[in-house]
PDB file of N, CA and C in Angstrom:
ATOM      1  N   MET A   1     -12.064 101.481  33.229  1.00  0.00           N
ATOM      2  CA  MET A   1     -13.047 101.001  33.956  1.00  0.00           C
ATOM      3  C   MET A   1     -13.891 100.994  34.175  1.00  0.00           C
ATOM      4  N   SER A   2     -14.819 100.107  35.144  1.00  0.00           N
ATOM      5  CA  SER A   2     -16.325 100.292  34.682  1.00  0.00           C
ATOM      6  C   SER A   2     -17.201 101.664  35.606  1.00  0.00           C
ATOM      7  N   THR A   3     -18.208 101.496  35.615  1.00  0.00           N
ATOM      8  CA  THR A   3     -18.595 102.103  36.478  1.00  0.00           C
ATOM      9  C   THR A   3     -20.047 101.489  36.963  1.00  0.00           C
ATOM     10  N   HIS A   4     -20.574 101.004  38.190  1.00  0.00           N
ATOM     11  CA  HIS A   4     -21.641 100.428  38.715  1.00  0.00           C
ATOM     12  C   HIS A   4     -22.309 101.511  38.925  1.00  0.00           C
ATOM     13  N   ARG A   5     -23.462 100.927  38.684  1.00  0.00           N
ATOM     14  CA  ARG A   5     -24.797 101.900  39.428  1.00  0.00           C
ATOM     15  C   ARG A   5     -25.678 101.187  40.559  1.00  0.00           C
ATOM     16  N   HIS A   6     -26.002 101.693  41.410  1.00  0.00           N
ATOM     17  CA  HIS A   6     -27.043 101.264  42.554  1.00  0.00           C
ATOM     18  C   HIS A   6     -27.760 102.378  42.290  1.00  0.00           C
ATOM     19  N   PRO A   7     -29.589 100.702  42.217  1.00  0.00           N
ATOM     20  CA  PRO A   7     -30.506 102.051  42.198  1.00  0.00           C
ATOM     21  C   PRO A   7     -30.867 102.450  43.496  1.00  0.00           C
ATOM     22  N   PRO A   8     -31.708 103.379  43.281  1.00  0.00           N
ATOM     23  CA  PRO A   8     -31.598 104.849  43.820  1.00  0.00           C
ATOM     24  C   PRO A   8     -32.478 103.585  45.331  1.00  0.00           C
ATOM     25  N   LEU A   9     -32.608 104.079  46.827  1.00  0.00           N
ATOM     26  CA  LEU A   9     -32.722 102.800  47.870  1.00  0.00           C
ATOM     27  C   LEU A   9     -34.645 103.367  48.220  1.00  0.00           C
ATOM     28  N   LYS A  10     -34.768 104.477  47.595  1.00  0.00           N
ATOM     29  CA  LYS A  10     -35.569 105.428  48.786  1.00  0.00           C
ATOM     30  C   LYS A  10     -36.213 105.770  47.470  1.00  0.00           C
ATOM     31  N   SER A  11     -37.826 105.107  47.360  1.00  0.00           N
ATOM     32  CA  SER A  11     -38.362 105.978  45.909  1.00  0.00           C
ATOM     33  C   SER A  11     -39.141 107.248  46.553  1.00  0.00           C
ATOM     34  N   ILE A  12     -39.463 108.053  45.842  1.00  0.00           N
ATOM     35  CA  ILE A  12     -39.521 109.547  45.614  1.00  0.00           C
ATOM     36  C   ILE A  12     -41.443 109.268  45.915  1.00  0.00           C
ATOM     37  N   THR A  13     -41.561 110.313  46.582  1.00  0.00           N
ATOM     38  CA  THR A  13     -42.791 110.228  46.996  1.00  0.00           C
ATOM     39  C   THR A  13     -44.081 111.493  46.390  1.00  0.00           C
ATOM     40  N   THR A  14     -44.785 112.072  46.048  1.00  0.00           N
ATOM     41  CA  THR A  14     -45.166 112.791  45.834  1.00  0.00           C
ATOM     42  C   THR A  14     -45.629 113.802  46.420  1.00  0.00           C
ATOM     43  N   THR A  15     -45.607 115.093  46.654  1.00  0.00           N
ATOM     44  CA  THR A  15     -45.995 116.092  47.698  1.00  0.00           C
ATOM     45  C   THR A  15     -47.852 116.513  47.473  1.00  0.00           C
ATOM     46  N   PRO A  16     -48.153 116.659  48.306  1.00  0.00           N
ATOM     47  CA  PRO A  16     -49.428 116.658  48.231  1.00  0.00           C
ATOM     48  C   PRO A  16     -49.635 117.774  47.343  1.00  0.00           C
ATOM     49  N   THR A  17     -50.969 118.208  47.113  1.00  0.00           N
ATOM     50  CA  THR A  17     -50.603 119.853  46.692  1.00  0.00           C
ATOM     51  C   THR A  17     -51.889 120.416  47.332  1.00  0.00           C
ATOM     52  N   GLY A  18     -52.607 119.854  48.487  1.00  0.00           N
ATOM     53  CA  GLY A  18     -53.519 120.748  49.070  1.00  0.00           C
ATOM     54  C   GLY A  18     -54.060 119.957  50.813  1.00  0.00           C
ATOM     55  N   PRO A  19     -54.683 120.575  51.472  1.00  0.00           N
ATOM     56  CA  PRO A  19     -55.156 119.537  52.650  1.00  0.00           C
ATOM     57  C   PRO A  19     -56.296 119.655  51.840  1.00  0.00           C
ATOM     58  N   HIS A  20     -56.233 117.563  53.092  1.00  0.00           N
ATOM     59  CA  HIS A  20     -56.924 116.676  53.013  1.00  0.00           C
ATOM     60  C   HIS A  20     -57.976 116.529  53.787  1.00  0.00           C
ATOM     61  N   ALA A  21     -59.213 115.992  54.049  1.00  0.00           N
ATOM     62  CA  ALA A  21     -59.624 115.530  55.162  1.00  0.00           C
ATOM     63  C   ALA A  21     -59.491 113.811  55.690  1.00  0.00           C
ATOM     64  N   ALA A  22     -59.461 113.973  56.399  1.00  0.00           N
ATOM     65  CA  ALA A  22     -59.020 112.534  57.037  1.00  0.00           C
ATOM     66  C   ALA A  22     -60.431 111.880  57.226  1.00  0.00           C
ATOM     67  N   ALA A  23     -59.936 110.416  56.777  1.00  0.00           N
ATOM     68  CA  ALA A  23     -60.942 109.555  56.406  1.00  0.00           C
ATOM     69  C   ALA A  23     -62.276 109.008  58.327  1.00  0.00           C
ATOM     70  N   GLN A  24     -63.268 109.305  58.288  1.00  0.00           N
ATOM     71  CA  GLN A  24     -63.681 109.490  59.435  1.00  0.00           C
ATOM     72  C   GLN A  24     -64.437 107.087  59.336  1.00  0.00           C
ATOM     73  N   PRO A  25     -64.320 107.482  60.550  1.00  0.00           N
ATOM     74  CA  PRO A  25     -64.810 105.919  61.062  1.00  0.00           C
ATOM     75  C   PRO A  25     -66.168 106.162  60.530  1.00  0.00           C
ATOM     76  N   VAL A  26     -66.862 104.722  60.407  1.00  0.00           N
ATOM     77  CA  VAL A  26     -67.850 104.252  60.014  1.00  0.00           C
ATOM     78  C   VAL A  26     -68.229 104.030  61.313  1.00  0.00           C
ATOM     79  N   ASP A  27     -69.940 104.524  61.777  1.00  0.00           N
ATOM     80  CA  ASP A  27     -70.467 104.201  62.747  1.00  0.00           C
ATOM     81  C   ASP A  27     -70.634 102.662  62.710  1.00  0.00           C
ATOM     82  N   THR A  28     -70.768 101.780  63.750  1.00  0.00           N
ATOM     83  CA  THR A  28     -71.145 100.691  63.815  1.00  0.00           C
ATOM     84  C   THR A  28     -71.990 100.165  64.834  1.00  0.00           C
ATOM     85  N   ALA A  29     -73.025  99.483  64.759  1.00  0.00           N
ATOM     86  CA  ALA A  29     -73.745  99.023  66.081  1.00  0.00           C
ATOM     87  C   ALA A  29     -72.766  98.555  66.645  1.00  0.00           C
ATOM     88  N   ALA A  30     -73.570  98.524  68.025  1.00  0.00           N
ATOM     89  CA  ALA A  30     -72.452  97.871  69.167  1.00  0.00           C
ATOM     90  C   ALA A  30     -72.947  96.329  69.914  1.00  0.00           C
ATOM     91  N   VAL A  31     -72.410  96.239  70.048  1.00  0.00           N
ATOM     92  CA  VAL A  31     -72.457  94.598  70.192  1.00  0.00           C
ATOM     93  C   VAL A  31     -72.412  93.845  71.227  1.00  0.00           C
ATOM     94  N   GLY A  32     -73.308  93.264  72.070  1.00  0.00           N
ATOM     95  CA  GLY A  32     -73.554  92.954  73.365  1.00  0.00           C
ATOM     96  C   GLY A  32     -73.491  94.300  74.490  1.00  0.00           C
ATOM     97  N   GLU A  33     -73.810  94.447  75.577  1.00  0.00           N
ATOM     98  CA  GLU A  33     -73.328  94.689  76.793  1.00  0.00           C
ATOM     99  C   GLU A  33     -71.651  95.830  77.227  1.00  0.00           C
ATOM    100  N   PRO A  34     -72.018  96.800  77.253  1.00  0.00           N
ATOM    101  CA  PRO A  34     -70.605  97.719  77.604  1.00  0.00           C
ATOM    102  C   PRO A  34     -70.321  97.029  78.946  1.00  0.00           C
ATOM    103  N   LYS A  35     -68.501  97.153  78.816  1.00  0.00           N
ATOM    104  CA  LYS A  35     -68.446  96.453  79.973  1.00  0.00           C
ATOM    105  C   LYS A  35     -67.950  97.681  80.499  1.00  0.00           C
ATOM    106  N   GLY A  36     -67.600  97.842  81.864  1.00  0.00           N
ATOM    107  CA  GLY A  36     -67.131  98.566  83.111  1.00  0.00           C
ATOM    108  C   GLY A  36     -65.686  98.696  83.216  1.00  0.00           C
ATOM    109  N   VAL A  37     -65.308  97.641  83.392  1.00  0.00           N
ATOM    110  CA  VAL A  37     -63.573  97.217  83.775  1.00  0.00           C
ATOM    111  C   VAL A  37     -63.603  96.314  82.508  1.00  0.00           C
ATOM    112  N   ALA A  38     -61.866  96.379  82.079  1.00  0.00           N
ATOM    113  CA  ALA A  38     -61.092  95.488  81.812  1.00  0.00           C
ATOM    114  C   ALA A  38     -61.485  93.729  81.877  1.00  0.00           C
ATOM    115  N   VAL A  39     -61.562  93.206  80.804  1.00  0.00           N
ATOM    116  CA  VAL A  39     -61.998  91.353  80.974  1.00  0.00           C
ATOM    117  C   VAL A  39     -61.016  91.296  82.134  1.00  0.00           C
ATOM    118  N   CYS A  40     -61.236  90.640  83.147  1.00  0.00           N
ATOM    119  CA  CYS A  40     -60.610  89.048  83.835  1.00  0.00           C
ATOM    120  C   CYS A  40     -59.924  90.267  85.055  1.00  0.00           C
ATOM    121  N   VAL A  41     -60.556  90.967  84.649  1.00  0.00           N
ATOM    122  CA  VAL A  41     -60.337  91.863  86.057  1.00  0.00           C
ATOM    123  C   VAL A  41     -61.630  91.885  87.193  1.00  0.00           C
ATOM    124  N   PRO A  42     -61.271  91.281  89.099  1.00  0.00           N
ATOM    125  CA  PRO A  42     -61.925  91.126  89.932  1.00  0.00           C
ATOM    126  C   PRO A  42     -62.715  92.430  89.990  1.00  0.00           C
ATOM    127  N   ILE A  43     -63.891  92.227  89.856  1.00  0.00           N
ATOM    128  CA  ILE A  43     -64.837  93.233  90.337  1.00  0.00           C
ATOM    129  C   ILE A  43     -64.659  93.151  91.506  1.00  0.00           C
ATOM    130  N   ALA A  44     -65.630  92.225  92.606  1.00  0.00           N
ATOM    131  CA  ALA A  44     -65.399  92.302  94.418  1.00  0.00           C
ATOM    132  C   ALA A  44     -63.982  92.853  95.034  1.00  0.00           C
ATOM    133  N   VAL A  45     -63.931  93.729  95.954  1.00  0.00           N
ATOM    134  CA  VAL A  45     -62.878  94.390  96.504  1.00  0.00           C
ATOM    135  C   VAL A  45     -62.596  93.157  97.423  1.00  0.00           C
ATOM    136  N   ARG A  46     -61.129  92.393  97.945  1.00  0.00           N
ATOM    137  CA  ARG A  46     -61.536  91.837  99.023  1.00  0.00           C
ATOM    138  C   ARG A  46     -60.815  92.545 100.097  1.00  0.00           C
ATOM    139  N   PRO A  47     -60.548  91.778 100.930  1.00  0.00           N
ATOM    140  CA  PRO A  47     -60.237  92.670 102.450  1.00  0.00           C
ATOM    141  C   PRO A  47     -58.366  92.382 102.445  1.00  0.00           C
ATOM    142  N   ASP A  48     -57.669  93.093 103.104  1.00  0.00           N
ATOM    143  CA  ASP A  48     -56.521  93.399 103.489  1.00  0.00           C
ATOM    144  C   ASP A  48     -55.910  91.691 104.142  1.00  0.00           C
ATOM    145  N   PRO A  49     -55.327  90.542 103.031  1.00  0.00           N
ATOM    146  CA  PRO A  49     -54.829  89.470 103.934  1.00  0.00           C
ATOM    147  C   PRO A  49     -53.970  89.774 104.993  1.00  0.00           C
ATOM    148  N   HIS A  50     -53.692  90.495 105.204  1.00  0.00           N
ATOM    149  CA  HIS A  50     -52.299  90.999 106.059  1.00  0.00           C
ATOM    150  C   HIS A  50     -52.538  92.688 106.622  1.00  0.00           C
ATOM    151  N   PRO A  51     -53.781  92.302 107.958  1.00  0.00           N
ATOM    152  CA  PRO A  51     -54.489  93.063 108.159  1.00  0.00           C
ATOM    153  C   PRO A  51     -53.061  94.196 109.350  1.00  0.00           C
ATOM    154  N   GLY A  52     -53.371  95.383 109.588  1.00  0.00           N
ATOM    155  CA  GLY A  52     -52.594  95.923 110.371  1.00  0.00           C
ATOM    156  C   GLY A  52     -52.921  95.918 111.710  1.00  0.00           C
ATOM    157  N   ASP A  53     -51.719  96.023 112.749  1.00  0.00           N
ATOM    158  CA  ASP A  53     -52.191  95.727 114.311  1.00  0.00           C
ATOM    159  C   ASP A  53     -51.640  96.887 115.098  1.00  0.00           C
ATOM    160  N   GLY A  54     -52.059  98.612 114.264  1.00  0.00           N
ATOM    161  CA  GLY A  54     -51.942  99.840 114.571  1.00  0.00           C
ATOM    162  C   GLY A  54     -49.918 100.024 114.582  1.00  0.00           C
ATOM    163  N   ARG A  55     -49.572  99.759 114.715  1.00  0.00           N
ATOM    164  CA  ARG A  55     -48.336  99.363 114.981  1.00  0.00           C
ATOM    165  C   ARG A  55     -47.153  99.977 113.752  1.00  0.00           C
ATOM    166  N   TYR A  56     -46.063 100.789 113.878  1.00  0.00           N
ATOM    167  CA  TYR A  56     -45.802 101.144 112.333  1.00  0.00           C
ATOM    168  C   TYR A  56     -44.457 101.603 113.145  1.00  0.00           C
ATOM    169  N   PRO A  57     -43.181 101.922 112.011  1.00  0.00           N
ATOM    170  CA  PRO A  57     -42.186 102.018 112.383  1.00  0.00           C
ATOM    171  C   PRO A  57     -41.551 103.432 112.640  1.00  0.00           C
ATOM    172  N   VAL A  58     -41.394 103.715 113.700  1.00  0.00           N
ATOM    173  CA  VAL A  58     -40.226 105.553 114.510  1.00  0.00           C
ATOM    174  C   VAL A  58     -39.352 105.622 113.866  1.00  0.00           C
ATOM    175  N   ALA A  59     -38.040 104.300 114.374  1.00  0.00           N
ATOM    176  CA  ALA A  59     -36.609 104.591 113.745  1.00  0.00           C
ATOM    177  C   ALA A  59     -35.786 103.603 113.397  1.00  0.00           C
ATOM    178  N   TRP A  60     -35.425 104.026 112.689  1.00  0.00           N
ATOM    179  CA  TRP A  60     -34.380 102.867 112.171  1.00  0.00           C
ATOM    180  C   TRP A  60     -32.864 103.688 112.543  1.00  0.00           C
ATOM    181  N   LEU A  61     -32.594 101.573 112.290  1.00  0.00           N
ATOM    182  CA  LEU A  61     -30.722 101.855 112.801  1.00  0.00           C
ATOM    183  C   LEU A  61     -30.412 101.264 110.850  1.00  0.00           C
ATOM    184  N   HIS A  62     -29.596 102.103 110.746  1.00  0.00           N
ATOM    185  CA  HIS A  62     -28.826 101.130 109.234  1.00  0.00           C
ATOM    186  C   HIS A  62     -27.404 101.102 109.176  1.00  0.00           C
ATOM    187  N   ILE A  63     -26.965  99.881 109.212  1.00  0.00           N
ATOM    188  CA  ILE A  63     -25.510  99.396 109.623  1.00  0.00           C
ATOM    189  C   ILE A  63     -24.934  99.149 108.504  1.00  0.00           C
ATOM    190  N   CYS A  64     -23.572  99.515 108.066  1.00  0.00           N
ATOM    191  CA  CYS A  64     -22.901  98.729 106.755  1.00  0.00           C
ATOM    192  C   CYS A  64     -21.420  98.510 106.961  1.00  0.00           C
ATOM    193  N   ALA A  65     -21.388  97.291 107.282  1.00  0.00           N
ATOM    194  CA  ALA A  65     -20.359  96.820 107.201  1.00  0.00           C
ATOM    195  C   ALA A  65     -19.487  95.412 106.446  1.00  0.00           C
ATOM    196  N   PRO A  66     -19.191  95.831 105.594  1.00  0.00           N
ATOM    197  CA  PRO A  66     -18.313  94.804 104.529  1.00  0.00           C
ATOM    198  C   PRO A  66     -17.351  94.780 105.045  1.00  0.00           C
ATOM    199  N   ARG A  67     -17.000  93.143 104.337  1.00  0.00           N
ATOM    200  CA  ARG A  67     -15.892  92.784 104.802  1.00  0.00           C
ATOM    201  C   ARG A  67     -14.625  93.390 104.704  1.00  0.00           C
ATOM    202  N   GLY A  68     -13.323  93.472 105.416  1.00  0.00           N
ATOM    203  CA  GLY A  68     -12.882  94.207 105.150  1.00  0.00           C
ATOM    204  C   GLY A  68     -12.696  95.961 105.134  1.00  0.00           C
ATOM    205  N   ALA A  69     -13.670  96.926 105.396  1.00  0.00           N
ATOM    206  CA  ALA A  69     -13.811  98.189 105.086  1.00  0.00           C
ATOM    207  C   ALA A  69     -14.088  98.152 106.321  1.00  0.00           C
ATOM    208  N   VAL A  70     -14.303  99.963 106.711  1.00  0.00           N
ATOM    209  CA  VAL A  70     -14.561 100.740 107.797  1.00  0.00           C
ATOM    210  C   VAL A  70     -15.909 100.788 108.212  1.00  0.00           C
ATOM    211  N   PRO A  71     -16.527 100.428 109.472  1.00  0.00           N
ATOM    212  CA  PRO A  71     -18.030 100.332 109.259  1.00  0.00           C
ATOM    213  C   PRO A  71     -18.842 101.280 109.518  1.00  0.00           C
ATOM    214  N   THR A  72     -19.936 101.881 109.226  1.00  0.00           N
ATOM    215  CA  THR A  72     -21.112 102.979 109.398  1.00  0.00           C
ATOM    216  C   THR A  72     -21.873 102.483 109.507  1.00  0.00           C
ATOM    217  N   ALA A  73     -22.636 103.918 110.276  1.00  0.00           N
ATOM    218  CA  ALA A  73     -24.186 102.972 110.965  1.00  0.00           C
ATOM    219  C   ALA A  73     -24.384 104.971 110.634  1.00  0.00           C
ATOM    220  N   THR A  74     -26.043 104.606 110.639  1.00  0.00           N
ATOM    221  CA  THR A  74     -26.737 105.578 110.390  1.00  0.00           C
ATOM    222  C   THR A  74     -28.515 105.408 111.925  1.00  0.00           C
ATOM    223  N   SER A  75     -28.904 106.333 112.511  1.00  0.00           N
ATOM    224  CA  SER A  75     -29.575 106.139 113.187  1.00  0.00           C
ATOM    225  C   SER A  75     -30.329 106.908 112.911  1.00  0.00           C
ATOM    226  N   LYS A  76     -32.203 107.283 112.439  1.00  0.00           N
ATOM    227  CA  LYS A  76     -33.244 107.826 112.546  1.00  0.00           C
ATOM    228  C   LYS A  76     -34.004 107.408 112.938  1.00  0.00           C
ATOM    229  N   CYS A  77     -34.741 108.917 113.554  1.00  0.00           N
ATOM    230  CA  CYS A  77     -35.980 108.754 114.091  1.00  0.00           C
ATOM    231  C   CYS A  77     -37.200 109.841 113.988  1.00  0.00           C
ATOM    232  N   LEU A  78     -38.757 109.205 113.395  1.00  0.00           N
ATOM    233  CA  LEU A  78     -39.306 110.067 113.118  1.00  0.00           C
ATOM    234  C   LEU A  78     -39.533 111.487 114.158  1.00  0.00           C
ATOM    235  N   CYS A  79     -38.499 111.594 115.325  1.00  0.00           N
ATOM    236  CA  CYS A  79     -38.453 113.175 115.760  1.00  0.00           C
ATOM    237  C   CYS A  79     -38.020 113.785 115.797  1.00  0.00           C
ATOM    238  N   GLY A  80     -37.036 113.393 114.794  1.00  0.00           N
ATOM    239  CA  GLY A  80     -35.779 114.394 114.484  1.00  0.00           C
ATOM    240  C   GLY A  80     -34.301 113.911 115.055  1.00  0.00           C
ATOM    241  N   TRP A  81     -34.541 112.793 115.562  1.00  0.00           N
ATOM    242  CA  TRP A  81     -32.942 111.922 115.892  1.00  0.00           C
ATOM    243  C   TRP A  81     -32.343 111.782 114.554  1.00  0.00           C
ATOM    244  N   ASN A  82     -30.859 111.789 113.980  1.00  0.00           N
ATOM    245  CA  ASN A  82     -30.163 111.583 113.245  1.00  0.00           C
ATOM    246  C   ASN A  82     -28.857 111.529 113.438  1.00  0.00           C
ATOM    247  N   ARG A  83     -28.340 110.890 113.598  1.00  0.00           N
ATOM    248  CA  ARG A  83     -27.066 110.254 114.330  1.00  0.00           C
ATOM    249  C   ARG A  83     -26.280 109.334 113.214  1.00  0.00           C
ATOM    250  N   SER A  84     -25.109 109.797 112.920  1.00  0.00           N
ATOM    251  CA  SER A  84     -24.062 108.405 112.072  1.00  0.00           C
ATOM    252  C   SER A  84     -22.833 108.532 112.579  1.00  0.00           C
ATOM    253  N   ALA A  85     -21.755 107.880 112.090  1.00  0.00           N
ATOM    254  CA  ALA A  85     -20.964 106.840 112.877  1.00  0.00           C
ATOM    255  C   ALA A  85     -19.994 106.504 112.071  1.00  0.00           C
ATOM    256  N   VAL A  86     -18.763 106.265 111.704  1.00  0.00           N
ATOM    257  CA  VAL A  86     -17.560 105.665 111.390  1.00  0.00           C
ATOM    258  C   VAL A  86     -16.759 104.922 111.673  1.00  0.00           C
ATOM    259  N   GLY A  87     -16.366 103.685 111.968  1.00  0.00           N
ATOM    260  CA  GLY A  87     -15.647 103.417 112.423  1.00  0.00           C
ATOM    261  C   GLY A  87     -16.479 102.278 113.751  1.00  0.00           C
ATOM    262  N   HIS A  88     -15.499 101.262 114.144  1.00  0.00           N
ATOM    263  CA  HIS A  88     -15.471 100.239 114.791  1.00  0.00           C
ATOM    264  C   HIS A  88     -16.379 100.686 116.035  1.00  0.00           C
ATOM    265  N   GLY A  89     -15.366 101.825 116.842  1.00  0.00           N
ATOM    266  CA  GLY A  89     -15.804 102.088 118.237  1.00  0.00           C
ATOM    267  C   GLY A  89     -17.652 102.822 118.363  1.00  0.00           C
ATOM    268  N   LYS A  90     -16.346 103.741 117.297  1.00  0.00           N
ATOM    269  CA  LYS A  90     -17.957 105.231 116.747  1.00  0.00           C
ATOM    270  C   LYS A  90     -19.213 103.975 116.192  1.00  0.00           C
ATOM    271  N   VAL A  91     -19.385 102.777 115.835  1.00  0.00           N
ATOM    272  CA  VAL A  91     -20.278 102.414 115.275  1.00  0.00           C
ATOM    273  C   VAL A  91     -21.521 101.786 116.302  1.00  0.00           C
ATOM    274  N   HIS A  92     -20.291 101.165 117.417  1.00  0.00           N
ATOM    275  CA  HIS A  92     -20.594 100.163 118.667  1.00  0.00           C
ATOM    276  C   HIS A  92     -21.236 101.566 119.509  1.00  0.00           C
ATOM    277  N   ALA A  93     -20.720 102.117 119.766  1.00  0.00           N
ATOM    278  CA  ALA A  93     -21.658 103.631 120.319  1.00  0.00           C
ATOM    279  C   ALA A  93     -22.813 103.841 119.983  1.00  0.00           C
ATOM    280  N   LEU A  94     -22.832 104.316 118.378  1.00  0.00           N
ATOM    281  CA  LEU A  94     -24.207 104.318 118.209  1.00  0.00           C
ATOM    282  C   LEU A  94     -25.198 103.413 118.480  1.00  0.00           C
ATOM    283  N   ILE A  95     -24.754 101.661 118.080  1.00  0.00           N
ATOM    284  CA  ILE A  95     -25.595 101.225 118.796  1.00  0.00           C
ATOM    285  C   ILE A  95     -26.528 101.354 119.740  1.00  0.00           C
ATOM    286  N   ALA A  96     -25.198 101.692 121.190  1.00  0.00           N
ATOM    287  CA  ALA A  96     -25.631 101.392 122.062  1.00  0.00           C
ATOM    288  C   ALA A  96     -26.853 103.131 121.859  1.00  0.00           C
ATOM    289  N   ASP A  97     -26.534 104.177 121.525  1.00  0.00           N
ATOM    290  CA  ASP A  97     -27.013 105.409 121.789  1.00  0.00           C
ATOM    291  C   ASP A  97     -28.677 105.164 121.682  1.00  0.00           C
ATOM    292  N   HIS A  98     -28.798 104.246 120.187  1.00  0.00           N
ATOM    293  CA  HIS A  98     -30.221 104.594 119.472  1.00  0.00           C
ATOM    294  C   HIS A  98     -31.204 103.461 120.281  1.00  0.00           C
ATOM    295  N   THR A  99     -30.588 102.536 120.711  1.00  0.00           N
ATOM    296  CA  THR A  99     -30.868 101.688 122.102  1.00  0.00           C
ATOM    297  C   THR A  99     -31.540 102.177 123.287  1.00  0.00           C
ATOM    298  N   ALA A 100     -30.907 103.416 123.491  1.00  0.00           N
ATOM    299  CA  ALA A 100     -31.330 104.387 124.759  1.00  0.00           C
ATOM    300  C   ALA A 100     -31.926 105.058 124.430  1.00  0.00           C
ATOM    301  N   HIS A 101     -32.173 105.180 122.966  1.00  0.00           N
ATOM    302  CA  HIS A 101     -33.229 106.262 122.523  1.00  0.00           C
ATOM    303  C   HIS A 101     -34.563 105.795 122.626  1.00  0.00           C
ATOM    304  N   ARG A 102     -34.928 104.600 122.384  1.00  0.00           N
ATOM    305  CA  ARG A 102     -35.743 103.942 122.380  1.00  0.00           C
ATOM    306  C   ARG A 102     -36.676 104.678 123.591  1.00  0.00           C
ATOM    307  N   ASP A 103     -35.587 104.253 125.182  1.00  0.00           N
ATOM    308  CA  ASP A 103     -36.348 104.715 126.272  1.00  0.00           C
ATOM    309  C   ASP A 103     -36.622 106.687 126.327  1.00  0.00           C
ATOM    310  N   THR A 104     -36.343 106.828 125.424  1.00  0.00           N
ATOM    311  CA  THR A 104     -36.325 108.396 125.906  1.00  0.00           C
ATOM    312  C   THR A 104     -37.109 109.461 124.645  1.00  0.00           C
ATOM    313  N   CYS A 105     -37.357 108.483 123.425  1.00  0.00           N
ATOM    314  CA  CYS A 105     -38.282 108.880 122.485  1.00  0.00           C
ATOM    315  C   CYS A 105     -39.661 109.637 122.762  1.00  0.00           C
ATOM    316  N   PRO A 106     -39.902 111.084 122.578  1.00  0.00           N
ATOM    317  CA  PRO A 106     -41.175 111.712 122.705  1.00  0.00           C
ATOM    318  C   PRO A 106     -42.162 111.050 122.615  1.00  0.00           C
ATOM    319  N   LEU A 107     -41.856 110.012 120.897  1.00  0.00           N
ATOM    320  CA  LEU A 107     -42.753 110.139 119.809  1.00  0.00           C
ATOM    321  C   LEU A 107     -43.343 108.752 120.490  1.00  0.00           C
ATOM    322  N   ARG A 108     -41.885 107.753 120.784  1.00  0.00           N
ATOM    323  CA  ARG A 108     -42.413 106.862 121.034  1.00  0.00           C
ATOM    324  C   ARG A 108     -43.006 106.227 122.765  1.00  0.00           C
ATOM    325  N   THR A 109     -42.665 106.911 123.314  1.00  0.00           N
ATOM    326  CA  THR A 109     -43.601 107.215 124.793  1.00  0.00           C
ATOM    327  C   THR A 109     -44.628 107.900 125.249  1.00  0.00           C
ATOM    328  N   SER A 110     -44.988 108.974 123.977  1.00  0.00           N
ATOM    329  CA  SER A 110     -46.855 108.989 124.103  1.00  0.00           C
ATOM    330  C   SER A 110     -47.515 107.956 123.781  1.00  0.00           C
ATOM    331  N   LEU A 111     -47.010 107.015 122.301  1.00  0.00           N
ATOM    332  CA  LEU A 111     -47.895 105.747 121.720  1.00  0.00           C
ATOM    333  C   LEU A 111     -47.650 105.034 123.229  1.00  0.00           C
ATOM    334  N   GLU A 112     -46.798 104.540 123.499  1.00  0.00           N
ATOM    335  CA  GLU A 112     -46.894 103.237 125.288  1.00  0.00           C
ATOM    336  C   GLU A 112     -47.622 104.077 125.792  1.00  0.00           C
ATOM    337  N   GLY A 113     -48.039 105.253 126.778  1.00  0.00           N
ATOM    338  CA  GLY A 113     -48.503 105.125 127.261  1.00  0.00           C
ATOM    339  C   GLY A 113     -50.644 105.917 126.559  1.00  0.00           C
ATOM    340  N   ARG A 114     -50.554 105.903 125.799  1.00  0.00           N
ATOM    341  CA  ARG A 114     -51.477 105.832 125.211  1.00  0.00           C
ATOM    342  C   ARG A 114     -52.021 103.974 124.940  1.00  0.00           C
ATOM    343  N   ALA A 115     -51.459 103.218 124.327  1.00  0.00           N
ATOM    344  CA  ALA A 115     -52.278 102.225 124.513  1.00  0.00           C
ATOM    345  C   ALA A 115     -51.963 101.441 125.780  1.00  0.00           C
ATOM    346  N   ALA A 116     -51.061 101.655 127.237  1.00  0.00           N
ATOM    347  CA  ALA A 116     -51.318 101.729 128.289  1.00  0.00           C
ATOM    348  C   ALA A 116     -52.802 102.236 129.125  1.00  0.00           C
ATOM    349  N   ALA A 117     -53.381 103.305 128.417  1.00  0.00           N
ATOM    350  CA  ALA A 117     -54.022 103.568 128.933  1.00  0.00           C
ATOM    351  C   ALA A 117     -55.365 103.220 128.626  1.00  0.00           C
TER     352      ALA A 117
END
């Protein structure tokens, strides 16, 4: 029977005998002017291409009705209104409640009153 020996896969490195100082960079003269920003970045600030008209969302109605499954819905408003429903009939009722809440929401009525004044 013959024994087949493989050469060692890793080389053994020597252990340093003491601390050594790291190599220091060589000071070189700067060429050109220093750049304030990265290259190819526009410096001029451009106006917002989609300026807002002062409106922002206040209430959200989320309906999830997967095919062949039971539908669910949630109605949330920044005023604290937070309702949920499960099932066809309850989801339809929540949609009606969400629509009615638009007329009674204290946030929405105060916003409309300020805009009308």
